[in-house]
C-alpha cells in the first residue's frame, strides 16, 4: 500500500505536459496492442502463409529502422510535439487502411507506411520525457512510462482478442470481426494526436537551460566530446542489434506460436500475451529498486540472463500450461531491463545528441527484426511447428547471452 501511495503521489506531482503525453501514449499503444496480436492472424485468415507474415513484419521493421535516424535528427533540431502529432495521425490512418486492403501489394505498402510513421513515437518518446523532467527522476519516470505503454498494449491485445471472439458469437465471420477490431485500433491510434495538441512546448534553448538547472552545481560536468558520445552510441547500438536479431526470430510470432502449436483461441492468445505484459509492468516497477541496490548495468544483465531458461522451456515444451508460464516469466524478466537501459543511455549521452542516440539504438534493434522475418518463416516452413520454433528460440537464447556479456564488458567498468 505504501508503494501504491508513492506511485499515486508521484503521478500527482507530474507536470500537465507529462500527463498529456502519457494519455496520448495510452491511445497510441491501445491501437498497437490490437495490431500486434491480431494482424498476422488476419493475414493468415486471408489465406497467406508464414512467408507472407515474414515479409510484412520484415518490410515494416525495415521501414521503421530507416526512419529512426532522420526522425532523431529532426527531433533534436525541430519541434518534437509537431512530429509526435504527425506520427499519431498517419499511424492511425495507416492502421485503418491495413484493416480493409487484402491484396499482397496493399499489405506490403501499408506495412511500409505504418512502419515509417510509427518510428516517430518510438524515437522521440524518451528524449521528450528526458527534456521535461529533472535528471534525478528519470529512472522512475522512464519506468512509469514503460509500464504505462505495456498496460495500454494489454488493454489493446486482451480487449481486441475478446472483441473479435465476441463478434463471432453473433455470426460475424472471423475475417470481418478482425477487420472491425483492427479498425477500432486504428481509430484509437489516430486519436492520440488530440492530447498532444494541448502540450505546451518550450524552445530548445529553454529545454537545455531547464535540464542544466535540474542538476546540482556540484554534479555538473562539461559536455562530453562528440566522438565520445558516438563511441558510446555505437556500443549501445551493437548490443541492441544482437538483441534485435534474437528478438526478431521469436517475439513477432508469439501469437502464431501459440495458435499453431497449441490451437488456442484468439481470446486466449490475447489474454496470455496481456498477462505477459502485466507481469512485465510489475517487473519494470521493481527494476529501479534492484538497480539502486546492485547498479544499473548489473540489474540489466541479471534480468536478461534470468529470462533464458524460461525462453528455452517455452521453445521446447509441448504442454500448454508450461509454455504459458514460461512465456510469462521470460516476457517479464527480459523486458524489465528496458527502462533501465534507456536511463543508462540518456545519462551517458550529452543533451544535444539524445535524439540521435535513441534513434540509432532503435535502428539497430529494428534492423535485427527486419533481417529475421524471412529466416523465421524459412525455419518454420522447413522444420515444422515444433522443431522450427525450438530452433528459433534456441538461437535467440544464444544471442541474448552474447548481448548480455557484451553489455557487461563494455559498460560495467564505466558504471563504477
Protein backbone atom coordinates (compact mmCIF):
# COMPACT_ATOMS: atom_id res chain seq x y z
CA UNK A 1 0.00 0.00 0.00
CA UNK A 2 2.87 2.35 0.76
CA UNK A 3 4.32 1.71 -2.71
CA UNK A 4 0.92 2.37 -4.35
CA UNK A 5 0.66 5.60 -2.35
CA UNK A 6 4.11 6.65 -3.59
CA UNK A 7 3.12 5.91 -7.20
CA UNK A 8 -0.09 7.98 -6.85
CA UNK A 9 1.84 10.81 -5.20
CA UNK A 10 4.43 10.68 -7.99
CA UNK A 11 1.68 10.84 -10.63
CA UNK A 12 0.07 13.87 -8.95
CA UNK A 13 3.41 15.66 -8.95
CA UNK A 14 3.90 15.23 -12.70
CA UNK A 15 3.52 18.26 -14.93
CA UNK A 16 0.46 18.66 -17.20
CA UNK A 17 2.69 18.12 -20.24
CA UNK A 18 3.79 14.70 -19.00
CA UNK A 19 0.21 13.68 -18.13
CA UNK A 20 -0.99 14.70 -21.60
CA UNK A 21 1.89 12.82 -23.17
CA UNK A 22 1.05 9.72 -21.15
CA UNK A 23 -2.61 9.98 -22.23
CA UNK A 24 -1.55 10.21 -25.88
CA UNK A 25 0.59 7.11 -25.42
CA UNK A 26 -2.30 5.19 -23.87
CA UNK A 27 -4.39 5.77 -27.01
CA UNK A 28 -1.47 5.11 -29.36
CA UNK A 29 -0.47 1.87 -27.65
CA UNK A 30 -4.03 0.50 -27.39
CA UNK A 31 -4.12 0.50 -31.19
CA UNK A 32 -0.65 -1.01 -31.39
CA UNK A 33 -1.67 -3.71 -28.93
CA UNK A 34 -4.61 -4.73 -31.10
CA UNK A 35 -2.45 -4.91 -34.23
CA UNK A 36 0.45 -6.73 -32.57
CA UNK A 37 -1.80 -9.64 -31.53
CA UNK A 38 -4.33 -9.83 -34.35
CA UNK A 39 -2.84 -8.54 -37.59
CA UNK A 40 -0.69 -11.54 -38.53
CA UNK A 41 -3.66 -13.78 -37.66
CA UNK A 42 -5.72 -11.62 -40.04
CA UNK A 43 -3.10 -12.18 -42.77
CA UNK A 44 -3.19 -15.90 -42.08
CA UNK A 45 -7.00 -15.96 -42.33
CA UNK A 46 -6.81 -14.19 -45.70
CA UNK A 47 -5.11 -17.35 -46.98
CA UNK A 48 -1.49 -16.22 -46.87
CA UNK A 49 1.15 -18.44 -45.30
CA UNK A 50 4.01 -17.86 -42.85
CA UNK A 51 6.17 -16.47 -45.66
CA UNK A 52 3.80 -13.55 -46.18
CA UNK A 53 3.74 -12.77 -42.47
CA UNK A 54 7.52 -12.77 -42.52
CA UNK A 55 7.56 -10.34 -45.47
CA UNK A 56 5.12 -7.94 -43.81
CA UNK A 57 6.98 -7.88 -40.50
CA UNK A 58 10.35 -7.52 -42.21
CA UNK A 59 9.36 -4.69 -44.54
CA UNK A 60 7.58 -2.82 -41.74
CA UNK A 61 10.60 -3.21 -39.45
CA UNK A 62 12.95 -2.09 -42.24
CA UNK A 63 10.83 0.99 -42.97
CA UNK A 64 10.81 1.85 -39.27
CA UNK A 65 14.56 1.35 -38.98
CA UNK A 66 15.28 3.60 -41.98
CA UNK A 67 13.29 6.44 -40.39
CA UNK A 68 14.82 6.27 -36.92
CA UNK A 69 17.92 8.36 -37.64
CA UNK A 70 16.13 11.09 -39.70
CA UNK A 71 13.44 11.33 -37.00
CA UNK A 72 16.07 11.54 -34.26
CA UNK A 73 17.92 14.34 -36.07
CA UNK A 74 14.67 16.23 -36.74
CA UNK A 75 13.61 15.82 -33.13
CA UNK A 76 16.90 17.30 -31.87
CA UNK A 77 16.53 20.31 -34.18
CA UNK A 78 12.78 20.97 -34.54
CA UNK A 79 9.53 20.56 -32.60
CA UNK A 80 9.12 17.09 -31.12
CA UNK A 81 5.47 17.93 -30.39
CA UNK A 82 4.68 18.50 -34.08
CA UNK A 83 6.45 15.32 -35.11
CA UNK A 84 4.56 13.29 -32.49
CA UNK A 85 1.23 14.70 -33.76
CA UNK A 86 2.17 13.71 -37.33
CA UNK A 87 3.20 10.25 -36.14
CA UNK A 88 -0.08 9.63 -34.32
CA UNK A 89 -2.31 10.82 -37.16
CA UNK A 90 -0.63 8.99 -40.01
CA UNK A 91 -0.01 5.82 -37.99
CA UNK A 92 -3.73 5.70 -37.22
CA UNK A 93 -4.71 6.27 -40.85
CA UNK A 94 -2.29 3.56 -41.97
CA UNK A 95 -3.73 1.10 -39.43
CA UNK A 96 -7.26 1.82 -40.65
CA UNK A 97 -6.15 1.21 -44.24
CA UNK A 98 -4.48 -2.07 -43.28
CA UNK A 99 -7.78 -3.28 -41.84
CA UNK A 100 -9.51 -3.30 -45.23
CA UNK A 101 -7.00 -3.89 -48.02
CA UNK A 102 -6.26 -7.54 -48.70
CA UNK A 103 -4.02 -7.79 -51.80
CA UNK A 104 -0.35 -8.63 -51.35
CA UNK A 105 0.73 -5.24 -52.70
CA UNK A 106 -1.62 -3.45 -50.30
CA UNK A 107 -0.44 -5.45 -47.30
CA UNK A 108 3.18 -4.61 -48.05
CA UNK A 109 2.51 -0.95 -48.96
CA UNK A 110 0.58 -0.19 -45.79
CA UNK A 111 3.19 -2.05 -43.75
CA UNK A 112 5.78 0.41 -45.10
CA UNK A 113 3.61 3.46 -44.35
CA UNK A 114 2.75 2.40 -40.81
CA UNK A 115 6.38 1.49 -40.17
CA UNK A 116 7.56 4.93 -41.30
CA UNK A 117 5.24 6.88 -39.01
CA UNK A 118 5.30 4.50 -36.03
CA UNK A 119 9.02 5.26 -35.80
CA UNK A 120 8.27 8.79 -34.58
CA UNK A 121 6.79 7.68 -31.26
CA UNK A 122 9.47 5.03 -30.77
CA UNK A 123 12.32 7.51 -31.24
CA UNK A 124 11.02 10.70 -29.65
CA UNK A 125 9.23 9.44 -26.52
CA UNK A 126 12.34 9.03 -24.34
CA UNK A 127 14.06 12.30 -25.42
CA UNK A 128 10.76 14.17 -24.90
CA UNK A 129 10.48 12.80 -21.37
CA UNK A 130 14.17 13.45 -20.65
CA UNK A 131 13.86 17.13 -21.53
CA UNK A 132 10.69 17.51 -19.44
CA UNK A 133 11.80 16.07 -16.08
CA UNK A 134 14.71 16.58 -13.65
CA UNK A 135 17.62 14.17 -14.06
CA UNK A 136 17.12 12.57 -10.64
CA UNK A 137 13.58 11.48 -11.62
CA UNK A 138 14.45 9.90 -14.98
CA UNK A 139 14.70 6.25 -13.99
CA UNK A 140 11.41 6.42 -12.08
CA UNK A 141 9.53 8.27 -14.85
CA UNK A 142 11.01 6.05 -17.58
CA UNK A 143 9.81 3.03 -15.60
CA UNK A 144 6.34 4.56 -15.26
CA UNK A 145 6.30 5.31 -18.98
CA UNK A 146 7.37 1.79 -19.99
CA UNK A 147 4.82 0.27 -17.62
CA UNK A 148 2.10 2.55 -19.00
CA UNK A 149 2.96 1.59 -22.59
CA UNK A 150 2.65 -2.09 -21.73
CA UNK A 151 -0.55 -1.57 -19.73
CA UNK A 152 -2.10 0.16 -22.75
CA UNK A 153 -0.98 -2.67 -25.01
CA UNK A 154 -2.62 -5.07 -22.54
CA UNK A 155 -5.92 -3.25 -23.00
CA UNK A 156 -5.49 -3.42 -26.75
CA UNK A 157 -4.36 -7.02 -27.08
CA UNK A 158 -6.72 -8.50 -24.49
CA UNK A 159 -9.68 -6.36 -25.49
CA UNK A 160 -9.03 -6.94 -29.19
CA UNK A 161 -8.98 -10.72 -28.90
CA UNK A 162 -12.10 -10.78 -26.76
CA UNK A 163 -13.92 -8.36 -29.05
CA UNK A 164 -13.13 -10.49 -32.11
CA UNK A 165 -14.41 -13.67 -30.43
CA UNK A 166 -17.49 -11.82 -29.11
CA UNK A 167 -18.40 -10.60 -32.61
CA UNK A 168 -18.08 -14.14 -33.97
CA UNK A 169 -20.63 -15.36 -31.41
CA UNK A 170 -23.21 -13.22 -33.24
CA UNK A 171 -22.47 -14.85 -36.57
CA UNK A 172 -19.94 -12.34 -37.88
CA UNK A 173 -17.20 -14.08 -39.86
CA UNK A 174 -13.72 -14.36 -38.37
CA UNK A 175 -12.17 -12.08 -41.01
CA UNK A 176 -14.87 -9.41 -40.61
CA UNK A 177 -14.56 -9.48 -36.83
CA UNK A 178 -10.81 -9.00 -37.12
CA UNK A 179 -11.33 -6.09 -39.52
CA UNK A 180 -13.71 -4.40 -37.05
CA UNK A 181 -11.23 -4.77 -34.19
CA UNK A 182 -8.26 -3.60 -36.27
CA UNK A 183 -10.22 -0.55 -37.44
CA UNK A 184 -11.03 0.26 -33.81
CA UNK A 185 -7.33 0.04 -33.03
CA UNK A 186 -6.54 2.39 -35.90
CA UNK A 187 -9.06 4.95 -34.64
CA UNK A 188 -7.57 4.79 -31.12
CA UNK A 189 -4.07 5.37 -32.52
CA UNK A 190 -5.29 8.28 -34.66
CA UNK A 191 -6.97 9.89 -31.62
CA UNK A 192 -3.60 10.05 -29.83
CA UNK A 193 -2.89 13.37 -31.58
CA UNK A 194 -5.64 15.14 -29.57
CA UNK A 195 -3.87 15.25 -26.14
CA UNK A 196 -0.65 16.23 -27.91
CA UNK A 197 -2.30 19.41 -29.22
CA UNK A 198 -2.55 20.75 -25.65
CA UNK A 199 1.11 20.20 -24.75
CA UNK A 200 2.97 23.50 -24.26
CA UNK A 201 6.39 23.09 -25.81
CA UNK A 202 9.29 25.29 -24.74
CA UNK A 203 12.11 26.34 -27.03
CA UNK A 204 15.24 24.24 -27.39
CA UNK A 205 17.24 26.87 -25.51
CA UNK A 206 14.80 26.78 -22.59
CA UNK A 207 14.94 22.97 -22.53
CA UNK A 208 18.73 22.97 -22.28
CA UNK A 209 18.59 25.62 -19.50
CA UNK A 210 15.94 23.63 -17.63
CA UNK A 211 17.95 20.45 -17.97
CA UNK A 212 21.10 22.07 -16.66
CA UNK A 213 19.26 23.69 -13.73
CA UNK A 214 17.87 20.30 -12.66
CA UNK A 215 21.38 19.07 -11.84
CA UNK A 216 23.00 20.38 -8.66
CA UNK A 217 26.07 22.50 -9.30
CA UNK A 218 28.44 20.05 -7.65
CA UNK A 219 27.42 17.34 -10.11
CA UNK A 220 27.74 19.38 -13.30
CA UNK A 221 30.33 18.21 -15.79
CA UNK A 222 31.38 19.51 -19.18
CA UNK A 223 29.55 18.19 -22.24
CA UNK A 224 31.28 15.02 -23.48
CA UNK A 225 33.18 15.32 -26.76
CA UNK A 226 31.21 14.32 -29.86
CA UNK A 227 33.45 11.33 -30.60
CA UNK A 228 32.95 10.01 -27.06
CA UNK A 229 29.18 10.27 -27.47
CA UNK A 230 29.24 8.36 -30.73
CA UNK A 231 31.54 5.68 -29.36
CA UNK A 232 29.01 5.04 -26.58
CA UNK A 233 26.13 5.16 -29.04
CA UNK A 234 27.92 2.64 -31.28
CA UNK A 235 28.42 0.27 -28.33
CA UNK A 236 24.76 0.51 -27.32
CA UNK A 237 23.71 0.02 -30.95
CA UNK A 238 25.82 -3.13 -31.31
CA UNK A 239 24.17 -4.72 -28.26
CA UNK A 240 20.71 -3.70 -29.49
CA UNK A 241 21.41 -5.16 -32.94
CA UNK A 242 22.22 -8.55 -31.40
CA UNK A 243 19.14 -8.41 -29.15
CA UNK A 244 17.02 -7.32 -32.12
CA UNK A 245 18.19 -10.25 -34.24
CA UNK A 246 17.31 -12.67 -31.45
CA UNK A 247 14.03 -10.95 -30.65
CA UNK A 248 13.04 -10.79 -34.32
CA UNK A 249 13.12 -14.58 -34.54
CA UNK A 250 10.57 -15.03 -31.76
CA UNK A 251 8.62 -12.03 -30.47
CA UNK A 252 6.60 -11.01 -33.57
CA UNK A 253 5.40 -14.61 -33.95
CA UNK A 254 4.40 -15.50 -30.39
CA UNK A 255 0.69 -15.40 -31.22
CA UNK A 256 1.29 -17.71 -34.19
CA UNK A 257 3.41 -19.95 -31.93
CA UNK A 258 0.50 -20.46 -29.54
CA UNK A 259 -2.15 -20.85 -32.24
CA UNK A 260 -0.04 -23.17 -34.41
CA UNK A 261 1.42 -25.40 -31.69
CA UNK A 262 -1.49 -25.45 -29.23
CA UNK A 263 -4.52 -24.35 -31.35
CA UNK A 264 -5.69 -21.81 -28.76
CA UNK A 265 -8.46 -19.26 -29.46
CA UNK A 266 -7.99 -15.57 -30.27
CA UNK A 267 -9.22 -14.62 -26.80
CA UNK A 268 -6.77 -17.00 -25.13
CA UNK A 269 -3.87 -15.61 -27.16
CA UNK A 270 -4.89 -12.04 -26.31
CA UNK A 271 -5.24 -12.85 -22.61
CA UNK A 272 -1.94 -14.73 -22.48
CA UNK A 273 0.07 -12.00 -24.18
CA UNK A 274 -1.67 -9.43 -21.98
CA UNK A 275 -0.75 -11.37 -18.84
CA UNK A 276 2.86 -11.36 -20.05
CA UNK A 277 2.70 -7.60 -20.35
CA UNK A 278 1.11 -7.26 -16.90
CA UNK A 279 3.97 -9.24 -15.38
CA UNK A 280 6.40 -7.06 -17.29
CA UNK A 281 4.75 -3.95 -15.82
CA UNK A 282 5.30 -5.32 -12.31
CA UNK A 283 8.92 -6.20 -13.04
CA UNK A 284 9.56 -2.77 -14.61
CA UNK A 285 8.29 -1.07 -11.47
CA UNK A 286 10.56 -3.30 -9.35
CA UNK A 287 13.52 -2.70 -11.69
CA UNK A 288 14.60 0.68 -10.29
CA UNK A 289 14.80 -0.81 -6.78
CA UNK A 290 17.11 -3.59 -7.99
CA UNK A 291 19.18 -1.07 -9.98
CA UNK A 292 19.60 1.08 -6.86
CA UNK A 293 20.89 -1.92 -4.89
CA UNK A 294 23.29 -3.58 -7.35
CA UNK A 295 23.76 -0.95 -10.05
CA UNK A 296 22.01 -0.37 -13.36
CA UNK A 297 24.34 -2.44 -15.55
CA UNK A 298 24.27 -5.47 -13.23
CA UNK A 299 20.48 -5.23 -12.99
CA UNK A 300 20.13 -5.24 -16.78
CA UNK A 301 22.38 -8.28 -17.19
CA UNK A 302 20.65 -10.13 -14.34
CA UNK A 303 17.20 -9.62 -15.86
CA UNK A 304 18.37 -10.75 -19.31
CA UNK A 305 20.17 -13.89 -18.13
CA UNK A 306 17.38 -14.95 -15.77
CA UNK A 307 14.95 -14.91 -18.71
CA UNK A 308 16.92 -17.53 -20.70
CA UNK A 309 15.76 -20.77 -19.00
CA UNK A 310 12.14 -19.71 -19.48
CA UNK A 311 12.80 -18.84 -23.13
CA UNK A 312 14.21 -22.30 -23.87
CA UNK A 313 11.47 -24.04 -21.90
CA UNK A 314 8.85 -22.21 -23.96
CA UNK A 315 10.51 -23.28 -27.20
CA UNK A 316 10.78 -26.99 -26.37
CA UNK A 317 7.66 -27.85 -24.37
CA UNK A 318 4.56 -29.46 -25.82
CA UNK A 319 2.44 -28.70 -22.73
CA UNK A 320 0.39 -25.52 -22.97
CA UNK A 321 0.48 -24.77 -19.23
CA UNK A 322 4.28 -24.96 -19.11
CA UNK A 323 4.59 -22.90 -22.30
CA UNK A 324 2.27 -20.23 -20.92
CA UNK A 325 4.02 -19.93 -17.53
CA UNK A 326 7.47 -19.93 -19.11
CA UNK A 327 6.40 -17.30 -21.62
CA UNK A 328 5.08 -15.07 -18.82
CA UNK A 329 8.33 -15.19 -16.84
CA UNK A 330 10.51 -14.71 -19.92
CA UNK A 331 8.45 -11.72 -21.01
CA UNK A 332 8.63 -10.08 -17.60
CA UNK A 333 12.34 -10.62 -16.98
CA UNK A 334 13.68 -9.68 -20.41
CA UNK A 335 11.57 -6.54 -20.78
CA UNK A 336 12.14 -5.34 -17.20
CA UNK A 337 15.57 -4.13 -18.28
CA UNK A 338 14.26 -1.75 -20.96
CA UNK A 339 13.64 1.41 -18.89
CA UNK A 340 16.94 0.88 -17.06
CA UNK A 341 18.76 0.64 -20.40
CA UNK A 342 17.09 3.86 -21.56
CA UNK A 343 18.27 5.63 -18.41
CA UNK A 344 21.83 4.33 -18.80
CA UNK A 345 21.93 5.59 -22.39
CA UNK A 346 20.35 9.01 -21.73
CA UNK A 347 22.57 9.67 -18.68
CA UNK A 348 25.77 8.96 -20.62
CA UNK A 349 25.00 10.97 -23.76
CA UNK A 350 25.01 14.77 -23.96
CA UNK A 351 21.74 16.70 -24.26
CA UNK A 352 22.30 17.66 -27.90
CA UNK A 353 22.75 14.04 -29.03
CA UNK A 354 19.98 12.24 -27.15
CA UNK A 355 17.60 12.09 -30.10
CA UNK A 356 20.19 10.61 -32.44
CA UNK A 357 21.39 8.26 -29.68
CA UNK A 358 17.91 6.83 -29.13
CA UNK A 359 17.25 6.64 -32.87
CA UNK A 360 20.50 4.79 -33.65
CA UNK A 361 19.93 2.17 -30.95
CA UNK A 362 16.31 1.74 -32.08
CA UNK A 363 17.52 1.47 -35.69
CA UNK A 364 19.93 -1.30 -34.77
CA UNK A 365 17.20 -3.19 -32.92
CA UNK A 366 14.66 -2.87 -35.74
CA UNK A 367 17.21 -3.90 -38.36
CA UNK A 368 17.52 -7.13 -36.39
CA UNK A 369 13.77 -7.61 -36.63
CA UNK A 370 13.78 -6.79 -40.34
CA UNK A 371 16.55 -9.26 -41.12
CA UNK A 372 14.95 -12.16 -39.26
CA UNK A 373 11.49 -12.25 -40.86
CA UNK A 374 12.49 -14.43 -43.85
CA UNK A 375 14.78 -16.54 -41.63
CA UNK A 376 11.99 -17.29 -39.17
CA UNK A 377 9.47 -18.18 -41.87
CA UNK A 378 12.06 -20.43 -43.58
CA UNK A 379 12.78 -22.33 -40.34
CA UNK A 380 9.08 -22.81 -39.55
CA UNK A 381 8.13 -23.95 -43.06
CA UNK A 382 11.19 -26.22 -43.29
CA UNK A 383 11.16 -27.83 -39.84
CA UNK A 384 7.50 -27.52 -38.82
CA UNK A 385 5.72 -26.07 -35.82
CA UNK A 386 7.74 -27.98 -33.21
CA UNK A 387 11.36 -28.05 -34.32
CA UNK A 388 11.04 -24.78 -36.24
CA UNK A 389 10.11 -22.89 -33.09
CA UNK A 390 12.55 -24.89 -30.96
CA UNK A 391 15.41 -23.85 -33.26
CA UNK A 392 14.40 -20.17 -33.34
CA UNK A 393 14.03 -20.00 -29.54
CA UNK A 394 17.46 -21.63 -29.12
CA UNK A 395 19.16 -19.20 -31.50
CA UNK A 396 17.50 -16.31 -29.65
CA UNK A 397 18.79 -17.61 -26.32
CA UNK A 398 22.36 -17.82 -27.62
CA UNK A 399 22.18 -14.26 -28.98
CA UNK A 400 20.83 -12.94 -25.68
CA UNK A 401 23.80 -14.48 -23.83
CA UNK A 402 26.22 -12.80 -26.26
CA UNK A 403 24.43 -9.44 -25.90
CA UNK A 404 24.39 -9.60 -22.07
CA UNK A 405 28.10 -10.49 -21.99
CA UNK A 406 29.00 -7.60 -24.31
CA UNK A 407 26.84 -5.18 -22.34
CA UNK A 408 28.52 -6.11 -19.05
CA UNK A 409 32.02 -5.97 -20.56
CA UNK A 410 31.54 -2.58 -22.23
CA UNK A 411 29.51 -0.68 -19.62
CA UNK A 412 30.18 -2.13 -16.16
CA UNK A 413 33.70 -0.62 -15.90
CA UNK A 414 32.39 2.91 -16.66
CA UNK A 415 29.45 2.50 -14.29
CA UNK A 416 31.65 2.21 -11.21
